[in-house]
Protein backbone atom coordinates (compact mmCIF):
# COMPACT_ATOMS: atom_id res chain seq x y z
CA MET A 1 7.97 9.39 -6.47
CA THR A 2 9.31 5.86 -6.86
CA GLU A 3 12.64 4.70 -5.46
CA GLU A 4 14.08 4.65 -9.00
CA GLU A 5 13.03 8.28 -9.51
CA GLN A 6 14.59 9.17 -6.17
CA ILE A 7 17.84 7.47 -7.17
CA LYS A 8 17.85 9.27 -10.53
CA LYS A 9 17.43 12.56 -8.70
CA MET A 10 20.35 11.69 -6.42
CA ARG A 11 22.51 10.70 -9.40
CA LEU A 12 21.78 14.01 -11.08
CA GLN A 13 22.41 16.14 -7.98
CA ILE A 14 25.48 14.29 -6.70
CA LEU A 15 27.13 12.83 -9.79
CA ASN A 16 25.76 15.20 -12.47
CA ASP A 17 25.09 12.08 -14.55
CA ILE A 18 21.69 10.41 -14.52
CA ASP A 19 23.03 7.24 -16.20
CA LYS A 20 25.92 6.51 -13.82
CA THR A 21 24.71 3.60 -11.67
CA ASP A 22 27.82 2.55 -9.75
CA ARG A 23 26.68 4.17 -6.49
CA ASP A 24 23.04 3.11 -6.57
CA GLU A 25 23.43 0.64 -3.68
CA ILE A 26 24.84 3.40 -1.45
CA PHE A 27 22.02 5.70 -2.57
CA LYS A 28 19.45 3.02 -1.64
CA MET A 29 21.01 2.65 1.82
CA LYS A 30 20.95 6.42 2.36
CA LEU A 31 17.32 6.61 1.20
CA ASP A 32 16.47 3.88 3.71
CA ASP A 33 18.34 5.73 6.48
CA ALA A 34 16.49 8.94 5.57
CA LYS A 35 13.16 7.10 5.73
CA TRP A 36 13.83 5.89 9.27
CA ILE A 37 15.03 9.32 10.39
CA ALA A 38 11.81 10.85 9.05
CA LEU A 39 9.64 8.19 10.69
CA ASP A 40 11.39 8.70 14.04
CA ILE A 41 10.76 12.44 13.83
CA LEU A 42 7.21 12.27 12.45
CA TYR A 43 5.92 9.44 14.64
CA PRO A 44 8.05 9.42 17.81
CA TYR A 45 5.47 7.42 19.80
CA ASN A 46 4.22 5.04 17.12
CA LYS A 47 6.81 2.49 16.05
CA GLU A 48 4.18 0.48 14.15
CA ILE A 49 4.30 2.90 11.20
CA VAL A 50 7.03 1.61 8.90
CA GLU A 51 6.21 3.33 5.59
CA LEU A 52 6.88 6.98 4.87
CA PRO A 53 3.92 8.82 3.30
CA SER A 54 4.62 9.66 -0.36
CA ARG A 55 4.38 13.40 0.31
CA TYR A 56 7.77 13.15 2.06
CA SER A 57 9.63 11.51 -0.84
CA ASN A 58 11.31 14.77 -1.86
CA TRP A 59 12.37 15.37 1.76
CA GLN A 60 13.72 11.81 1.84
CA VAL A 61 15.89 12.49 -1.23
CA ARG A 62 17.26 15.74 0.21
CA CYS A 63 18.02 14.01 3.51
CA ALA A 64 19.70 11.08 1.72
CA ILE A 65 21.87 13.54 -0.21
CA GLU A 66 22.98 15.17 3.05
CA LEU A 67 23.69 11.74 4.54
CA TYR A 68 25.68 10.77 1.45
CA LYS A 69 27.73 13.94 1.59
CA ALA A 70 28.46 13.28 5.28
CA ILE A 71 30.18 9.97 4.52
CA GLY A 72 33.71 10.16 5.83
CA VAL A 73 33.27 13.40 7.76
CA GLU A 74 31.08 12.14 10.59
CA GLY A 75 32.15 13.70 13.85
CA TYR A 76 34.30 16.48 12.37
CA THR A 77 33.98 19.69 14.31
CA SER A 78 36.54 21.61 12.28
CA TYR A 79 38.93 20.90 9.43
CA SER A 80 41.11 23.28 7.45
CA GLU A 81 43.47 22.67 4.55
CA ASN A 82 44.73 25.07 1.87
CA GLY A 83 42.05 27.62 2.64
CA LEU A 84 39.21 25.07 2.68
CA VAL A 85 37.38 25.02 6.00
CA ILE A 86 34.90 22.30 6.93
CA THR A 87 32.97 22.52 10.18
CA ARG A 88 30.35 19.95 11.15
CA SER A 89 28.47 19.45 14.33
CA GLY A 90 27.57 16.01 15.60
CA GLU A 91 24.47 16.08 13.40
CA LEU A 92 24.44 14.20 10.13
CA ILE A 93 21.62 16.28 8.67
CA SER A 94 20.94 19.98 8.90
CA GLN A 95 18.58 21.43 11.47
CA GLY A 96 16.71 23.22 8.67
CA LEU A 97 15.85 19.87 7.09
CA ILE A 98 14.74 18.45 10.44
CA ASN A 99 12.57 21.52 11.05
CA GLU A 100 10.57 20.75 7.92
CA LEU A 101 9.01 17.76 9.69
CA THR A 102 6.31 18.22 12.30
CA PRO A 103 5.95 15.35 14.76
CA HIS A 104 2.48 13.84 15.04
CA ALA A 105 1.17 13.92 18.59
CA ASP A 106 0.06 10.59 19.92
CA VAL A 107 -0.25 8.75 23.16
CA PRO A 108 2.97 6.91 24.08
CA ARG A 109 2.57 3.15 23.65
């Protein structure tokens, strides 16, 4: 999946409009953040790997969506207003998403 396809998927899931491009730069930043999160989890001892294998592109999009939705609520532990309750831990992405990645064992460098 190319970066443009990933961005289109984010537009559709977040904005419900595949043609709305005003947030593409933010989406690109969140895709980049998601890539580095995945690389840190997958290859904790090998910092020389800087490209995410293509099989993780869907994971990268789902992670970027979670990161996008976390904008502005980082650090909230609880929030309530008019019956709406938001509770977030210190994590920016869900543990379920993190659990989908299996770290590759390697010798520390």
